[in-house]
Structures are given as structure tokens and as C-alpha cells.
Protein backbone atom coordinates (compact mmCIF):
# COMPACT_ATOMS: atom_id res chain seq x y z
CA MET A 1 -6.14 5.58 31.74
CA SER A 2 -3.37 4.78 29.23
CA GLU A 3 -3.42 6.45 25.83
CA LYS A 4 -2.63 4.42 22.81
CA THR A 5 -0.40 6.36 20.47
CA THR A 6 -0.41 5.30 16.90
CA GLU A 7 2.07 6.65 14.48
CA GLN A 8 0.47 7.82 11.26
CA LYS A 9 2.39 7.14 8.06
CA PRO A 10 2.82 10.23 5.91
CA VAL A 11 0.44 10.53 2.99
CA GLN A 12 2.17 9.12 -0.11
CA LYS A 13 2.08 10.41 -3.69
CA LYS A 14 -0.07 8.49 -6.13
CA THR A 15 2.67 8.32 -8.82
CA THR A 16 5.27 7.12 -6.32
CA MET A 17 3.04 4.37 -5.02
CA ALA A 18 2.17 3.33 -8.64
CA LEU A 19 5.87 2.99 -9.51
CA ILE A 20 6.77 1.14 -6.31
CA CYS A 21 3.81 -1.18 -6.81
CA PHE A 22 4.86 -1.82 -10.41
CA PHE A 23 8.52 -2.64 -9.63
CA LEU A 24 8.31 -4.04 -6.01
CA GLY A 25 4.61 -4.86 -5.63
CA GLY A 26 5.24 -8.63 -5.24
CA TYR A 27 7.11 -7.83 -2.01
CA GLY A 28 4.29 -5.72 -0.64
CA VAL A 29 6.46 -2.55 -0.24
CA HIS A 30 3.71 -0.24 -1.43
CA ARG A 31 1.22 -1.66 1.24
CA TYR A 32 3.92 -1.22 3.94
CA MET A 33 4.50 2.40 2.94
CA MET A 34 0.74 3.00 2.97
CA GLY A 35 0.46 1.69 6.53
CA TYR A 36 -1.32 -1.62 5.87
CA SER A 37 -0.61 -4.37 8.40
CA ASN A 38 -1.10 -7.24 5.92
CA TRP A 39 1.86 -6.33 3.68
CA TRP A 40 3.75 -9.46 4.79
CA VAL A 41 1.09 -11.72 3.18
CA MET A 42 2.07 -10.26 -0.22
CA LEU A 43 5.73 -10.82 0.65
CA ILE A 44 5.13 -14.58 1.43
CA THR A 45 2.98 -15.23 -1.64
CA LEU A 46 4.92 -12.84 -3.94
CA GLY A 47 1.84 -10.68 -4.45
CA GLY A 48 -0.51 -13.62 -4.82
CA CYS A 49 1.57 -14.86 -7.78
CA GLY A 50 1.21 -11.29 -9.26
CA ILE A 51 -2.56 -11.10 -9.10
CA TRP A 52 -2.84 -8.95 -5.99
CA THR A 53 -0.06 -6.77 -7.31
CA ILE A 54 -1.90 -6.07 -10.58
CA VAL A 55 -5.16 -5.42 -8.68
CA ASP A 56 -3.37 -2.99 -6.29
CA PHE A 57 -1.63 -1.25 -9.25
CA ILE A 58 -4.99 -0.69 -11.09
CA GLN A 59 -6.61 0.50 -7.85
CA ILE A 60 -3.76 3.03 -7.21
CA LEU A 61 -4.01 4.39 -10.68
CA THR A 62 -7.83 4.77 -10.56
CA GLY A 63 -7.71 6.29 -7.09
CA ASN A 64 -9.60 3.51 -5.33
CA MET A 65 -6.69 2.50 -2.98
CA HIS A 66 -6.21 4.80 -0.06
CA MET A 67 -3.81 4.95 2.91
CA ALA A 68 -4.63 2.31 5.56
CA ASP A 69 -6.26 4.98 7.78
CA GLY A 70 -8.59 6.10 4.94
CA ARG A 71 -6.70 9.20 3.72
CA GLU A 72 -6.43 9.59 -0.03
CA LEU A 73 -3.10 9.48 -1.80
CA GLU A 74 -1.70 12.82 -2.93
CA ALA A 75 -2.03 13.72 -6.56
């Protein structure tokens, strides 16, 4: 039986992700660093014309956005 090995991204700091989302959010860099596979959609649409970027930024600040595998961001 073959085992599927998945590389876990390291848990990111909340302040780092907020800053990256604020400055580079339209390119989906914060989602890529958090392990999300849909980061390229933000790249193509420039963060949904900024709307998804603002939503992600608020979710990061309020603690509602977690790493892709469910782990919470570090304080």
C-alpha cells in the first residue's frame, strides 16, 4: 500500500499574515503561505478586485482565518 506524504506548511504568525495580506493580498501570497490550494484564483483576479483581499484581511485580524489544514495562526 502506498502512503501519501503531504508536506505541512509551518504555522504562520497572525501579524505576518496580516501584513502580507495588506501589501500583497491581491496576488494571493498569504493564502499560498497558509497552504491553501486556491491561491492562484486570487492571483488571476487580483484578489477579486480587492474584495477577497479585504475579507481575508479582516478574517486574519479577527482570528477567523486558519491555516489550510485547520491549525490556528500563532499570536
